[in-house]
N, C-alpha and C. Protein backbone atom coordinates (compact mmCIF):
# COMPACT_ATOMS: atom_id res chain seq x y z
N PRO A 1 -2.37 -51.49 -9.41
CA PRO A 1 -1.11 -51.44 -8.65
C PRO A 1 -0.31 -52.73 -8.86
N ASP A 2 1.00 -52.59 -8.95
CA ASP A 2 1.86 -53.74 -9.23
C ASP A 2 2.34 -54.46 -7.97
N TYR A 3 2.37 -53.78 -6.84
CA TYR A 3 2.73 -54.45 -5.59
C TYR A 3 2.22 -53.62 -4.42
N LEU A 4 2.16 -54.28 -3.27
CA LEU A 4 1.65 -53.67 -2.06
C LEU A 4 2.72 -53.74 -0.97
N PHE A 5 3.00 -52.61 -0.33
CA PHE A 5 3.92 -52.58 0.80
C PHE A 5 3.10 -52.47 2.08
N LEU A 6 3.20 -53.49 2.94
CA LEU A 6 2.48 -53.51 4.21
C LEU A 6 3.46 -53.55 5.36
N HIS A 7 3.14 -52.82 6.43
CA HIS A 7 3.92 -53.02 7.64
C HIS A 7 3.71 -54.47 8.08
N ARG A 8 4.80 -55.11 8.48
CA ARG A 8 4.72 -56.56 8.70
C ARG A 8 3.75 -56.94 9.81
N TRP A 9 3.50 -56.01 10.75
CA TRP A 9 2.55 -56.32 11.81
C TRP A 9 1.10 -56.25 11.35
N ARG A 10 0.87 -55.66 10.14
CA ARG A 10 -0.50 -55.52 9.64
C ARG A 10 -0.80 -56.51 8.51
N LYS A 11 0.16 -57.34 8.14
CA LYS A 11 -0.03 -58.20 6.98
C LYS A 11 -1.18 -59.19 7.18
N ASP A 12 -1.19 -59.91 8.27
CA ASP A 12 -2.24 -60.91 8.50
C ASP A 12 -3.61 -60.25 8.56
N GLU A 13 -3.66 -59.08 9.18
CA GLU A 13 -4.93 -58.34 9.28
C GLU A 13 -5.42 -57.95 7.88
N PHE A 14 -4.49 -57.50 7.04
CA PHE A 14 -4.86 -57.09 5.69
C PHE A 14 -5.36 -58.29 4.88
N ILE A 15 -4.66 -59.40 4.93
CA ILE A 15 -5.06 -60.59 4.17
C ILE A 15 -6.45 -61.03 4.58
N SER A 16 -6.72 -61.01 5.87
CA SER A 16 -8.04 -61.39 6.37
C SER A 16 -9.13 -60.44 5.85
N ALA A 17 -8.85 -59.13 5.89
CA ALA A 17 -9.83 -58.15 5.43
C ALA A 17 -10.03 -58.25 3.92
N TYR A 18 -8.95 -58.51 3.19
CA TYR A 18 -9.02 -58.64 1.73
C TYR A 18 -9.87 -59.85 1.35
N ARG A 19 -9.63 -60.95 2.05
CA ARG A 19 -10.40 -62.18 1.80
C ARG A 19 -11.90 -61.92 2.02
N GLU A 20 -12.23 -61.20 3.07
CA GLU A 20 -13.62 -60.92 3.38
C GLU A 20 -14.26 -60.03 2.31
N GLU A 21 -13.50 -59.04 1.82
CA GLU A 21 -14.05 -58.15 0.79
C GLU A 21 -14.25 -58.88 -0.54
N VAL A 22 -13.33 -59.77 -0.89
CA VAL A 22 -13.51 -60.56 -2.11
C VAL A 22 -14.78 -61.42 -1.98
N ARG A 23 -14.99 -62.00 -0.82
CA ARG A 23 -16.19 -62.81 -0.60
C ARG A 23 -17.45 -61.95 -0.71
N ASN A 24 -17.40 -60.73 -0.15
CA ASN A 24 -18.56 -59.84 -0.22
C ASN A 24 -18.89 -59.45 -1.66
N MET A 25 -17.86 -59.25 -2.46
CA MET A 25 -18.07 -58.78 -3.83
C MET A 25 -18.38 -59.91 -4.82
N LEU A 26 -17.68 -61.03 -4.67
CA LEU A 26 -17.73 -62.07 -5.69
C LEU A 26 -18.17 -63.43 -5.18
N GLY A 27 -18.49 -63.52 -3.88
CA GLY A 27 -18.91 -64.80 -3.32
C GLY A 27 -17.73 -65.73 -3.09
N ASP A 28 -18.05 -66.99 -2.78
CA ASP A 28 -17.00 -67.97 -2.48
C ASP A 28 -16.35 -68.53 -3.73
N GLU A 29 -16.96 -68.34 -4.91
CA GLU A 29 -16.41 -68.86 -6.16
C GLU A 29 -16.31 -67.73 -7.18
N PRO A 30 -15.31 -66.88 -7.07
CA PRO A 30 -15.21 -65.74 -7.98
C PRO A 30 -15.20 -66.13 -9.46
N LEU A 31 -14.64 -67.29 -9.78
CA LEU A 31 -14.54 -67.69 -11.18
C LEU A 31 -15.91 -67.97 -11.79
N ASN A 32 -16.92 -68.20 -10.94
CA ASN A 32 -18.26 -68.48 -11.44
C ASN A 32 -19.16 -67.25 -11.49
N ASP A 33 -18.62 -66.10 -11.07
CA ASP A 33 -19.41 -64.86 -11.05
C ASP A 33 -19.39 -64.24 -12.45
N GLU A 34 -20.55 -64.19 -13.09
CA GLU A 34 -20.63 -63.69 -14.46
C GLU A 34 -20.29 -62.21 -14.56
N SER A 35 -20.36 -61.48 -13.46
CA SER A 35 -20.05 -60.05 -13.50
C SER A 35 -18.55 -59.79 -13.35
N PHE A 36 -17.80 -60.84 -13.03
CA PHE A 36 -16.36 -60.69 -12.83
C PHE A 36 -15.66 -60.71 -14.19
N THR A 37 -14.86 -59.68 -14.44
CA THR A 37 -14.25 -59.53 -15.75
C THR A 37 -13.22 -60.62 -16.03
N HIS A 38 -12.86 -60.76 -17.30
CA HIS A 38 -11.88 -61.77 -17.68
C HIS A 38 -10.64 -61.11 -18.27
N ILE A 39 -9.57 -61.87 -18.40
CA ILE A 39 -8.33 -61.38 -18.98
C ILE A 39 -8.53 -61.22 -20.49
N VAL A 40 -7.85 -60.27 -21.10
CA VAL A 40 -8.16 -59.85 -22.47
C VAL A 40 -7.97 -60.98 -23.49
N ASN A 41 -6.97 -61.85 -23.30
CA ASN A 41 -6.80 -62.96 -24.25
C ASN A 41 -5.99 -64.08 -23.60
N LYS A 42 -5.86 -65.18 -24.32
CA LYS A 42 -5.20 -66.39 -23.78
C LYS A 42 -3.72 -66.12 -23.48
N ARG A 43 -3.07 -65.35 -24.31
CA ARG A 43 -1.64 -65.08 -24.10
C ARG A 43 -1.41 -64.39 -22.77
N HIS A 44 -2.24 -63.40 -22.46
CA HIS A 44 -2.06 -62.69 -21.18
C HIS A 44 -2.54 -63.55 -20.01
N PHE A 45 -3.55 -64.38 -20.24
CA PHE A 45 -3.98 -65.31 -19.20
C PHE A 45 -2.81 -66.22 -18.81
N ASP A 46 -2.14 -66.79 -19.80
CA ASP A 46 -1.01 -67.68 -19.52
C ASP A 46 0.14 -66.92 -18.84
N ARG A 47 0.37 -65.69 -19.28
CA ARG A 47 1.43 -64.88 -18.66
C ARG A 47 1.15 -64.66 -17.18
N LEU A 48 -0.08 -64.31 -16.85
CA LEU A 48 -0.45 -64.05 -15.46
C LEU A 48 -0.41 -65.31 -14.61
N MET A 49 -0.87 -66.41 -15.16
CA MET A 49 -0.81 -67.67 -14.41
C MET A 49 0.65 -68.07 -14.15
N GLY A 50 1.53 -67.72 -15.09
CA GLY A 50 2.94 -67.98 -14.88
C GLY A 50 3.52 -67.15 -13.75
N LEU A 51 3.05 -65.90 -13.60
CA LEU A 51 3.51 -65.07 -12.49
C LEU A 51 3.05 -65.63 -11.16
N ILE A 52 1.83 -66.16 -11.13
CA ILE A 52 1.31 -66.76 -9.91
C ILE A 52 2.12 -68.01 -9.54
N ALA A 53 2.47 -68.79 -10.56
CA ALA A 53 3.19 -70.05 -10.31
C ALA A 53 4.56 -69.80 -9.70
N GLY A 54 5.10 -68.61 -9.89
CA GLY A 54 6.42 -68.32 -9.36
C GLY A 54 6.44 -67.82 -7.94
N SER A 55 5.27 -67.74 -7.28
CA SER A 55 5.20 -67.22 -5.91
C SER A 55 4.17 -68.02 -5.11
N THR A 56 4.00 -67.64 -3.85
CA THR A 56 3.06 -68.32 -2.95
C THR A 56 1.75 -67.54 -2.88
N ALA A 57 0.65 -68.15 -3.32
CA ALA A 57 -0.65 -67.50 -3.26
C ALA A 57 -1.29 -67.76 -1.90
N VAL A 58 -1.49 -66.71 -1.11
CA VAL A 58 -2.17 -66.85 0.18
C VAL A 58 -3.67 -66.61 0.03
N LEU A 59 -4.08 -66.16 -1.13
CA LEU A 59 -5.49 -66.00 -1.45
C LEU A 59 -5.63 -66.12 -2.96
N GLY A 60 -6.65 -66.85 -3.41
CA GLY A 60 -6.87 -67.01 -4.84
C GLY A 60 -5.80 -67.89 -5.48
N GLY A 61 -5.40 -67.53 -6.67
CA GLY A 61 -4.36 -68.27 -7.38
C GLY A 61 -4.87 -69.18 -8.48
N LYS A 62 -6.19 -69.40 -8.53
CA LYS A 62 -6.74 -70.29 -9.56
C LYS A 62 -7.21 -69.50 -10.77
N GLY A 63 -7.18 -70.16 -11.92
CA GLY A 63 -7.67 -69.56 -13.15
C GLY A 63 -8.52 -70.54 -13.93
N ASP A 64 -9.41 -70.01 -14.77
CA ASP A 64 -10.26 -70.82 -15.64
C ASP A 64 -9.87 -70.52 -17.08
N GLU A 65 -9.26 -71.49 -17.74
CA GLU A 65 -8.75 -71.28 -19.09
C GLU A 65 -9.86 -71.04 -20.09
N GLU A 66 -11.05 -71.59 -19.84
CA GLU A 66 -12.15 -71.42 -20.79
C GLU A 66 -12.74 -70.01 -20.73
N THR A 67 -12.91 -69.49 -19.52
CA THR A 67 -13.49 -68.15 -19.38
C THR A 67 -12.43 -67.06 -19.29
N LEU A 68 -11.17 -67.46 -19.16
CA LEU A 68 -10.04 -66.52 -19.01
C LEU A 68 -10.15 -65.68 -17.75
N ARG A 69 -10.83 -66.23 -16.75
CA ARG A 69 -10.91 -65.53 -15.46
C ARG A 69 -9.83 -66.03 -14.52
N ILE A 70 -9.32 -65.12 -13.70
CA ILE A 70 -8.35 -65.45 -12.65
C ILE A 70 -8.86 -64.88 -11.34
N GLU A 71 -8.83 -65.69 -10.30
CA GLU A 71 -9.28 -65.23 -8.99
C GLU A 71 -8.45 -64.04 -8.51
N PRO A 72 -9.08 -63.11 -7.77
CA PRO A 72 -8.28 -62.09 -7.09
C PRO A 72 -7.23 -62.79 -6.22
N THR A 73 -5.97 -62.46 -6.44
CA THR A 73 -4.88 -63.25 -5.88
C THR A 73 -3.90 -62.37 -5.11
N LEU A 74 -3.58 -62.78 -3.89
CA LEU A 74 -2.52 -62.15 -3.09
C LEU A 74 -1.32 -63.08 -3.08
N LEU A 75 -0.15 -62.54 -3.40
CA LEU A 75 1.08 -63.32 -3.41
C LEU A 75 1.97 -62.93 -2.24
N ASP A 76 2.42 -63.93 -1.50
CA ASP A 76 3.28 -63.70 -0.34
C ASP A 76 4.67 -64.26 -0.63
N ASP A 77 5.59 -64.03 0.31
CA ASP A 77 6.98 -64.49 0.16
C ASP A 77 7.59 -63.95 -1.14
N VAL A 78 7.28 -62.69 -1.43
CA VAL A 78 7.76 -62.05 -2.65
C VAL A 78 9.07 -61.33 -2.37
N THR A 79 10.00 -61.41 -3.30
CA THR A 79 11.25 -60.65 -3.23
C THR A 79 11.37 -59.80 -4.50
N PRO A 80 12.29 -58.84 -4.52
CA PRO A 80 12.48 -58.03 -5.74
C PRO A 80 12.84 -58.87 -6.96
N GLU A 81 13.33 -60.10 -6.74
CA GLU A 81 13.72 -60.96 -7.85
C GLU A 81 12.60 -61.89 -8.30
N SER A 82 11.46 -61.86 -7.63
CA SER A 82 10.34 -62.72 -8.01
C SER A 82 9.83 -62.32 -9.40
N PRO A 83 9.34 -63.29 -10.18
CA PRO A 83 8.84 -62.97 -11.53
C PRO A 83 7.78 -61.88 -11.52
N CYS A 84 6.92 -61.88 -10.51
CA CYS A 84 5.83 -60.91 -10.47
C CYS A 84 6.32 -59.49 -10.22
N MET A 85 7.59 -59.33 -9.80
CA MET A 85 8.15 -58.01 -9.57
C MET A 85 9.00 -57.52 -10.74
N LYS A 86 9.01 -58.29 -11.80
CA LYS A 86 9.86 -57.96 -12.94
C LYS A 86 9.12 -57.24 -14.06
N GLU A 87 7.80 -57.17 -13.98
CA GLU A 87 7.03 -56.56 -15.06
C GLU A 87 5.73 -55.98 -14.52
N GLU A 88 5.11 -55.12 -15.32
CA GLU A 88 3.79 -54.63 -14.96
C GLU A 88 2.79 -55.78 -15.09
N ILE A 89 1.89 -55.89 -14.13
CA ILE A 89 1.05 -57.08 -14.05
C ILE A 89 -0.21 -56.99 -14.93
N PHE A 90 -0.97 -55.93 -14.80
CA PHE A 90 -2.22 -55.78 -15.55
C PHE A 90 -3.14 -56.99 -15.37
N GLY A 91 -3.40 -57.35 -14.13
CA GLY A 91 -4.29 -58.46 -13.83
C GLY A 91 -4.63 -58.45 -12.35
N PRO A 92 -5.52 -59.35 -11.90
CA PRO A 92 -5.99 -59.36 -10.50
C PRO A 92 -5.00 -60.02 -9.54
N ILE A 93 -3.76 -59.62 -9.63
CA ILE A 93 -2.70 -60.22 -8.82
C ILE A 93 -1.99 -59.11 -8.04
N LEU A 94 -1.84 -59.28 -6.75
CA LEU A 94 -1.20 -58.26 -5.93
C LEU A 94 -0.11 -58.88 -5.07
N PRO A 95 1.16 -58.68 -5.42
CA PRO A 95 2.26 -59.16 -4.59
C PRO A 95 2.37 -58.32 -3.31
N ILE A 96 2.73 -58.97 -2.21
CA ILE A 96 2.88 -58.30 -0.92
C ILE A 96 4.34 -58.24 -0.52
N LEU A 97 4.80 -57.04 -0.23
CA LEU A 97 6.10 -56.83 0.39
C LEU A 97 5.86 -56.24 1.78
N THR A 98 6.79 -56.43 2.70
CA THR A 98 6.60 -55.91 4.06
C THR A 98 7.76 -55.01 4.45
N TRP A 99 7.47 -54.14 5.43
CA TRP A 99 8.48 -53.23 5.93
C TRP A 99 8.29 -53.03 7.44
N GLU A 100 9.33 -52.55 8.07
CA GLU A 100 9.26 -52.18 9.49
C GLU A 100 9.54 -50.70 9.69
N LYS A 101 10.52 -50.17 8.94
CA LYS A 101 10.84 -48.75 9.02
C LYS A 101 10.55 -48.10 7.67
N TRP A 102 10.01 -46.89 7.74
CA TRP A 102 9.62 -46.20 6.51
C TRP A 102 10.80 -46.02 5.56
N GLU A 103 12.00 -45.90 6.11
CA GLU A 103 13.18 -45.75 5.27
C GLU A 103 13.36 -46.93 4.31
N GLU A 104 12.90 -48.11 4.72
CA GLU A 104 12.99 -49.29 3.85
C GLU A 104 12.12 -49.09 2.60
N VAL A 105 10.95 -48.51 2.79
CA VAL A 105 10.05 -48.26 1.67
C VAL A 105 10.68 -47.25 0.71
N GLU A 106 11.19 -46.15 1.27
CA GLU A 106 11.80 -45.12 0.44
C GLU A 106 12.98 -45.68 -0.35
N GLN A 107 13.82 -46.44 0.33
CA GLN A 107 14.99 -46.99 -0.33
C GLN A 107 14.59 -47.93 -1.47
N PHE A 108 13.57 -48.75 -1.23
CA PHE A 108 13.12 -49.70 -2.26
C PHE A 108 12.56 -48.96 -3.47
N VAL A 109 11.65 -48.02 -3.22
CA VAL A 109 11.00 -47.32 -4.33
C VAL A 109 12.02 -46.51 -5.13
N LEU A 110 12.93 -45.84 -4.44
CA LEU A 110 13.90 -44.98 -5.11
C LEU A 110 14.97 -45.78 -5.85
N SER A 111 15.12 -47.06 -5.51
CA SER A 111 16.13 -47.88 -6.17
C SER A 111 15.63 -48.48 -7.48
N ARG A 112 14.33 -48.34 -7.75
CA ARG A 112 13.73 -48.94 -8.94
C ARG A 112 13.32 -47.85 -9.92
N PRO A 113 12.97 -48.23 -11.17
CA PRO A 113 12.47 -47.23 -12.11
C PRO A 113 11.29 -46.46 -11.51
N ARG A 114 11.27 -45.16 -11.75
CA ARG A 114 10.23 -44.32 -11.14
C ARG A 114 8.84 -44.72 -11.65
N PRO A 115 7.91 -44.95 -10.75
CA PRO A 115 6.59 -45.47 -11.15
C PRO A 115 5.68 -44.39 -11.73
N LEU A 116 4.75 -44.83 -12.55
CA LEU A 116 3.74 -43.93 -13.09
C LEU A 116 2.85 -43.40 -11.97
N ALA A 117 2.53 -44.25 -11.00
CA ALA A 117 1.65 -43.83 -9.90
C ALA A 117 2.05 -44.53 -8.61
N SER A 118 1.76 -43.88 -7.50
CA SER A 118 1.96 -44.47 -6.18
C SER A 118 0.77 -44.09 -5.30
N TYR A 119 0.46 -44.97 -4.36
CA TYR A 119 -0.71 -44.77 -3.50
C TYR A 119 -0.32 -45.02 -2.06
N LEU A 120 -0.77 -44.14 -1.18
CA LEU A 120 -0.49 -44.25 0.25
C LEU A 120 -1.80 -44.30 1.02
N PHE A 121 -1.89 -45.24 1.97
CA PHE A 121 -3.03 -45.28 2.89
C PHE A 121 -2.52 -44.96 4.28
N THR A 122 -2.98 -43.86 4.84
CA THR A 122 -2.48 -43.41 6.13
C THR A 122 -3.48 -42.45 6.77
N GLY A 123 -3.42 -42.35 8.09
CA GLY A 123 -4.17 -41.33 8.82
C GLY A 123 -3.27 -40.24 9.32
N SER A 124 -2.00 -40.27 8.91
CA SER A 124 -0.99 -39.34 9.42
C SER A 124 -0.66 -38.28 8.38
N ALA A 125 -0.84 -37.02 8.75
CA ALA A 125 -0.48 -35.93 7.84
C ALA A 125 1.02 -35.89 7.60
N ALA A 126 1.81 -36.24 8.62
CA ALA A 126 3.27 -36.25 8.47
C ALA A 126 3.71 -37.33 7.48
N ASN A 127 3.09 -38.51 7.55
CA ASN A 127 3.41 -39.57 6.60
C ASN A 127 3.02 -39.17 5.18
N GLU A 128 1.88 -38.52 5.05
CA GLU A 128 1.43 -38.07 3.74
C GLU A 128 2.42 -37.07 3.13
N GLU A 129 2.86 -36.12 3.95
CA GLU A 129 3.81 -35.12 3.46
C GLU A 129 5.13 -35.76 3.06
N ARG A 130 5.60 -36.71 3.85
CA ARG A 130 6.85 -37.38 3.52
C ARG A 130 6.73 -38.19 2.25
N PHE A 131 5.61 -38.87 2.10
CA PHE A 131 5.34 -39.67 0.89
C PHE A 131 5.40 -38.79 -0.36
N ILE A 132 4.77 -37.63 -0.30
CA ILE A 132 4.70 -36.75 -1.46
C ILE A 132 6.06 -36.11 -1.76
N ASN A 133 6.79 -35.74 -0.71
CA ASN A 133 8.01 -34.97 -0.91
C ASN A 133 9.26 -35.82 -1.10
N HIS A 134 9.27 -37.07 -0.62
CA HIS A 134 10.49 -37.87 -0.65
C HIS A 134 10.52 -38.91 -1.77
N LEU A 135 9.36 -39.24 -2.33
CA LEU A 135 9.32 -40.25 -3.38
C LEU A 135 9.05 -39.61 -4.74
N SER A 136 9.64 -40.19 -5.79
CA SER A 136 9.44 -39.67 -7.14
C SER A 136 8.50 -40.60 -7.89
N PHE A 137 7.36 -40.07 -8.33
CA PHE A 137 6.39 -40.83 -9.12
C PHE A 137 5.56 -39.85 -9.93
N GLY A 138 4.92 -40.37 -10.97
CA GLY A 138 4.18 -39.49 -11.86
C GLY A 138 3.00 -38.79 -11.20
N GLY A 139 2.20 -39.52 -10.46
CA GLY A 139 1.04 -38.98 -9.77
C GLY A 139 0.53 -40.05 -8.82
N GLY A 140 -0.58 -39.78 -8.14
CA GLY A 140 -1.08 -40.81 -7.23
C GLY A 140 -2.22 -40.31 -6.37
N CYS A 141 -2.48 -41.07 -5.32
CA CYS A 141 -3.59 -40.78 -4.41
C CYS A 141 -3.15 -41.05 -2.97
N VAL A 142 -3.84 -40.41 -2.07
CA VAL A 142 -3.72 -40.73 -0.65
C VAL A 142 -5.06 -41.30 -0.22
N ASN A 143 -5.03 -42.49 0.32
CA ASN A 143 -6.23 -43.22 0.79
C ASN A 143 -7.20 -43.56 -0.35
N ASP A 144 -6.65 -43.80 -1.52
CA ASP A 144 -7.43 -44.29 -2.66
C ASP A 144 -6.43 -44.76 -3.72
N THR A 145 -6.94 -45.38 -4.78
CA THR A 145 -6.08 -45.77 -5.90
C THR A 145 -6.74 -45.40 -7.21
N ILE A 146 -5.93 -45.04 -8.19
CA ILE A 146 -6.31 -44.89 -9.60
C ILE A 146 -7.23 -43.70 -9.87
N ILE A 147 -8.03 -43.28 -8.89
CA ILE A 147 -9.08 -42.30 -9.15
C ILE A 147 -8.53 -40.95 -9.59
N HIS A 148 -7.23 -40.68 -9.34
CA HIS A 148 -6.66 -39.41 -9.80
C HIS A 148 -6.72 -39.30 -11.32
N LEU A 149 -6.74 -40.45 -12.01
CA LEU A 149 -6.84 -40.46 -13.47
C LEU A 149 -8.15 -39.85 -13.94
N ALA A 150 -9.19 -39.94 -13.12
CA ALA A 150 -10.52 -39.46 -13.52
C ALA A 150 -10.73 -37.98 -13.24
N VAL A 151 -9.77 -37.33 -12.58
CA VAL A 151 -9.91 -35.91 -12.24
C VAL A 151 -9.21 -35.09 -13.33
N HIS A 152 -9.99 -34.46 -14.19
CA HIS A 152 -9.41 -33.81 -15.36
C HIS A 152 -8.62 -32.56 -15.01
N GLY A 153 -8.79 -32.05 -13.81
CA GLY A 153 -7.98 -30.91 -13.40
C GLY A 153 -6.59 -31.29 -12.97
N LEU A 154 -6.34 -32.60 -12.77
CA LEU A 154 -5.02 -33.06 -12.36
C LEU A 154 -4.25 -33.56 -13.57
N PRO A 155 -3.04 -33.04 -13.82
CA PRO A 155 -2.23 -33.58 -14.91
C PRO A 155 -1.93 -35.05 -14.65
N PHE A 156 -2.06 -35.89 -15.69
CA PHE A 156 -1.77 -37.31 -15.56
C PHE A 156 -0.62 -37.67 -16.48
N GLY A 157 0.43 -38.25 -15.91
CA GLY A 157 1.57 -38.66 -16.71
C GLY A 157 2.68 -39.17 -15.82
N GLY A 158 3.73 -39.67 -16.44
CA GLY A 158 4.82 -40.26 -15.69
C GLY A 158 5.97 -39.29 -15.48
N VAL A 159 7.05 -39.84 -14.93
CA VAL A 159 8.27 -39.07 -14.73
C VAL A 159 9.44 -40.01 -14.97
N GLY A 160 10.42 -39.57 -15.76
CA GLY A 160 11.57 -40.42 -16.02
C GLY A 160 11.19 -41.69 -16.75
N ASP A 161 11.45 -42.83 -16.11
CA ASP A 161 11.21 -44.13 -16.73
C ASP A 161 9.74 -44.37 -17.09
N SER A 162 8.84 -43.75 -16.34
CA SER A 162 7.41 -44.01 -16.57
C SER A 162 6.80 -43.05 -17.58
N GLY A 163 7.60 -42.18 -18.17
CA GLY A 163 7.09 -41.32 -19.23
C GLY A 163 7.34 -39.85 -18.95
N MET A 164 7.35 -39.08 -20.00
CA MET A 164 7.57 -37.64 -19.86
C MET A 164 6.33 -36.89 -20.33
N GLY A 165 6.00 -35.81 -19.64
CA GLY A 165 4.84 -35.02 -20.00
C GLY A 165 3.57 -35.56 -19.36
N ALA A 166 2.51 -34.77 -19.44
CA ALA A 166 1.24 -35.16 -18.82
C ALA A 166 0.10 -34.61 -19.67
N TYR A 167 -1.06 -35.24 -19.52
CA TYR A 167 -2.23 -34.75 -20.21
C TYR A 167 -3.38 -34.59 -19.22
N HIS A 168 -4.51 -34.09 -19.71
CA HIS A 168 -5.69 -33.66 -18.97
C HIS A 168 -5.69 -32.14 -18.91
N GLY A 169 -6.81 -31.56 -19.31
CA GLY A 169 -6.96 -30.12 -19.18
C GLY A 169 -5.84 -29.34 -19.84
N LYS A 170 -5.42 -28.26 -19.20
CA LYS A 170 -4.37 -27.40 -19.75
C LYS A 170 -3.05 -28.15 -19.88
N ALA A 171 -2.79 -29.11 -18.94
CA ALA A 171 -1.54 -29.88 -19.02
C ALA A 171 -1.47 -30.65 -20.33
N GLY A 172 -2.60 -31.20 -20.78
CA GLY A 172 -2.62 -31.91 -22.05
C GLY A 172 -2.37 -30.98 -23.23
N PHE A 173 -2.96 -29.79 -23.18
CA PHE A 173 -2.73 -28.80 -24.23
C PHE A 173 -1.25 -28.44 -24.30
N ASP A 174 -0.64 -28.21 -23.14
CA ASP A 174 0.78 -27.84 -23.10
C ASP A 174 1.68 -28.97 -23.60
N THR A 175 1.35 -30.21 -23.20
CA THR A 175 2.18 -31.35 -23.58
C THR A 175 2.19 -31.57 -25.08
N PHE A 176 1.02 -31.44 -25.70
CA PHE A 176 0.91 -31.79 -27.12
C PHE A 176 0.98 -30.56 -28.03
N THR A 177 1.37 -29.43 -27.48
CA THR A 177 1.55 -28.22 -28.26
C THR A 177 3.04 -27.93 -28.41
N HIS A 178 3.47 -27.65 -29.63
CA HIS A 178 4.85 -27.23 -29.84
C HIS A 178 4.89 -25.71 -29.84
N TYR A 179 5.61 -25.15 -28.87
CA TYR A 179 5.77 -23.71 -28.80
C TYR A 179 6.98 -23.32 -29.64
N LYS A 180 6.72 -22.57 -30.72
CA LYS A 180 7.79 -22.16 -31.63
C LYS A 180 8.42 -20.87 -31.10
N SER A 181 9.65 -20.97 -30.67
CA SER A 181 10.34 -19.82 -30.08
C SER A 181 11.11 -19.07 -31.16
N VAL A 182 10.80 -17.79 -31.33
CA VAL A 182 11.44 -16.96 -32.35
C VAL A 182 11.83 -15.62 -31.74
N LEU A 183 13.09 -15.19 -31.95
CA LEU A 183 13.53 -13.86 -31.55
C LEU A 183 13.63 -12.99 -32.80
N SER A 184 12.99 -11.86 -32.77
CA SER A 184 13.03 -10.94 -33.90
C SER A 184 13.77 -9.68 -33.48
N LYS A 185 14.86 -9.35 -34.19
CA LYS A 185 15.72 -8.21 -33.83
C LYS A 185 15.64 -7.14 -34.91
N ALA A 186 15.70 -5.90 -34.49
CA ALA A 186 15.69 -4.79 -35.45
C ALA A 186 16.99 -4.78 -36.26
N THR A 187 16.92 -4.28 -37.46
CA THR A 187 18.10 -4.25 -38.33
C THR A 187 19.05 -3.11 -37.98
N TRP A 188 18.58 -2.13 -37.22
CA TRP A 188 19.42 -0.96 -36.95
C TRP A 188 20.29 -1.14 -35.70
N LEU A 189 20.15 -2.29 -35.02
CA LEU A 189 20.91 -2.47 -33.80
C LEU A 189 21.73 -3.75 -33.86
N ASP A 190 23.02 -3.62 -33.56
CA ASP A 190 23.88 -4.79 -33.41
C ASP A 190 24.92 -4.45 -32.35
N LEU A 191 25.32 -5.40 -31.56
CA LEU A 191 26.25 -5.14 -30.47
C LEU A 191 27.65 -5.57 -30.90
N PRO A 192 28.55 -4.62 -31.11
CA PRO A 192 29.87 -4.95 -31.64
C PRO A 192 30.72 -5.79 -30.68
N MET A 193 30.41 -5.76 -29.38
CA MET A 193 31.24 -6.54 -28.46
C MET A 193 31.05 -8.04 -28.63
N ARG A 194 30.08 -8.45 -29.49
CA ARG A 194 29.89 -9.87 -29.75
C ARG A 194 30.97 -10.43 -30.68
N TYR A 195 31.72 -9.54 -31.34
CA TYR A 195 32.63 -9.97 -32.40
C TYR A 195 34.08 -9.64 -32.03
N HIS A 196 34.99 -10.28 -32.76
CA HIS A 196 36.42 -9.96 -32.62
C HIS A 196 36.68 -8.50 -32.99
N PRO A 197 37.69 -7.90 -32.37
CA PRO A 197 38.58 -8.45 -31.34
C PRO A 197 37.92 -8.39 -29.96
N TYR A 198 38.15 -9.44 -29.14
CA TYR A 198 37.58 -9.50 -27.80
C TYR A 198 38.52 -8.81 -26.83
N THR A 199 38.11 -7.65 -26.38
CA THR A 199 38.93 -6.86 -25.47
C THR A 199 38.40 -6.94 -24.06
N LYS A 200 39.20 -6.47 -23.12
CA LYS A 200 38.75 -6.44 -21.72
C LYS A 200 37.53 -5.54 -21.58
N PHE A 201 37.52 -4.41 -22.32
CA PHE A 201 36.38 -3.51 -22.26
C PHE A 201 35.11 -4.19 -22.78
N ALA A 202 35.24 -4.92 -23.90
CA ALA A 202 34.08 -5.62 -24.46
C ALA A 202 33.59 -6.69 -23.48
N GLU A 203 34.52 -7.39 -22.83
CA GLU A 203 34.13 -8.40 -21.85
C GLU A 203 33.38 -7.77 -20.69
N SER A 204 33.85 -6.59 -20.24
CA SER A 204 33.18 -5.88 -19.13
C SER A 204 31.76 -5.49 -19.52
N LEU A 205 31.59 -5.02 -20.77
CA LEU A 205 30.25 -4.66 -21.24
C LEU A 205 29.33 -5.89 -21.29
N LEU A 206 29.86 -7.00 -21.80
CA LEU A 206 29.04 -8.22 -21.87
C LEU A 206 28.61 -8.66 -20.49
N ARG A 207 29.54 -8.64 -19.56
CA ARG A 207 29.22 -9.07 -18.18
C ARG A 207 28.18 -8.13 -17.58
N PHE A 208 28.25 -6.85 -17.93
CA PHE A 208 27.29 -5.88 -17.42
C PHE A 208 25.88 -6.18 -17.95
N PHE A 209 25.80 -6.47 -19.27
CA PHE A 209 24.48 -6.73 -19.87
C PHE A 209 23.91 -8.10 -19.45
N LEU A 210 24.80 -9.05 -19.18
CA LEU A 210 24.34 -10.39 -18.85
C LEU A 210 24.08 -10.57 -17.36
N ARG A 211 24.33 -9.55 -16.58
CA ARG A 211 24.14 -9.65 -15.14
C ARG A 211 22.69 -9.91 -14.78
């Protein structure tokens, strides 16, 4: 995920819970955990550290240039103009945005390029329905992230800016198959009203057949 939208009254609670989960998974020194993955190369490591430098890290923010590891990082005081909001992140960095009214979330998401995926965490069926029906995105999850990609019965793909078409199962077959459309007409039949002279009677016949 490229950013997180939290209700502003839940932000401190989320940061505290996130910090605790990072500690449970990776201990107090994530950069020293050999099971913790690293960034693919130095160029992307530098790019990600640059995104962190442009915002306020309320958790994590450190990187190890030798191992190419970066701590799980939460960024606060983020605006739409922040560097971390200008590109896809592909790293352990999560910018936080806040909202008070759901309309703010809808307006923000709809004002930007349509995302490949969106995720909602809620216990409300009404919120879930509104999320699905009012926002445009390629696919997503409710109360989870990314796992929809692993369900082969669900078409996976973007919409608009995030890509056209989808794959997985039959959707993949349809996307990557070219359907050759051919009309074959008998030689003994032709409709004269298709040709000049165009009369009122011919127009009436065409309208009748095209109804």
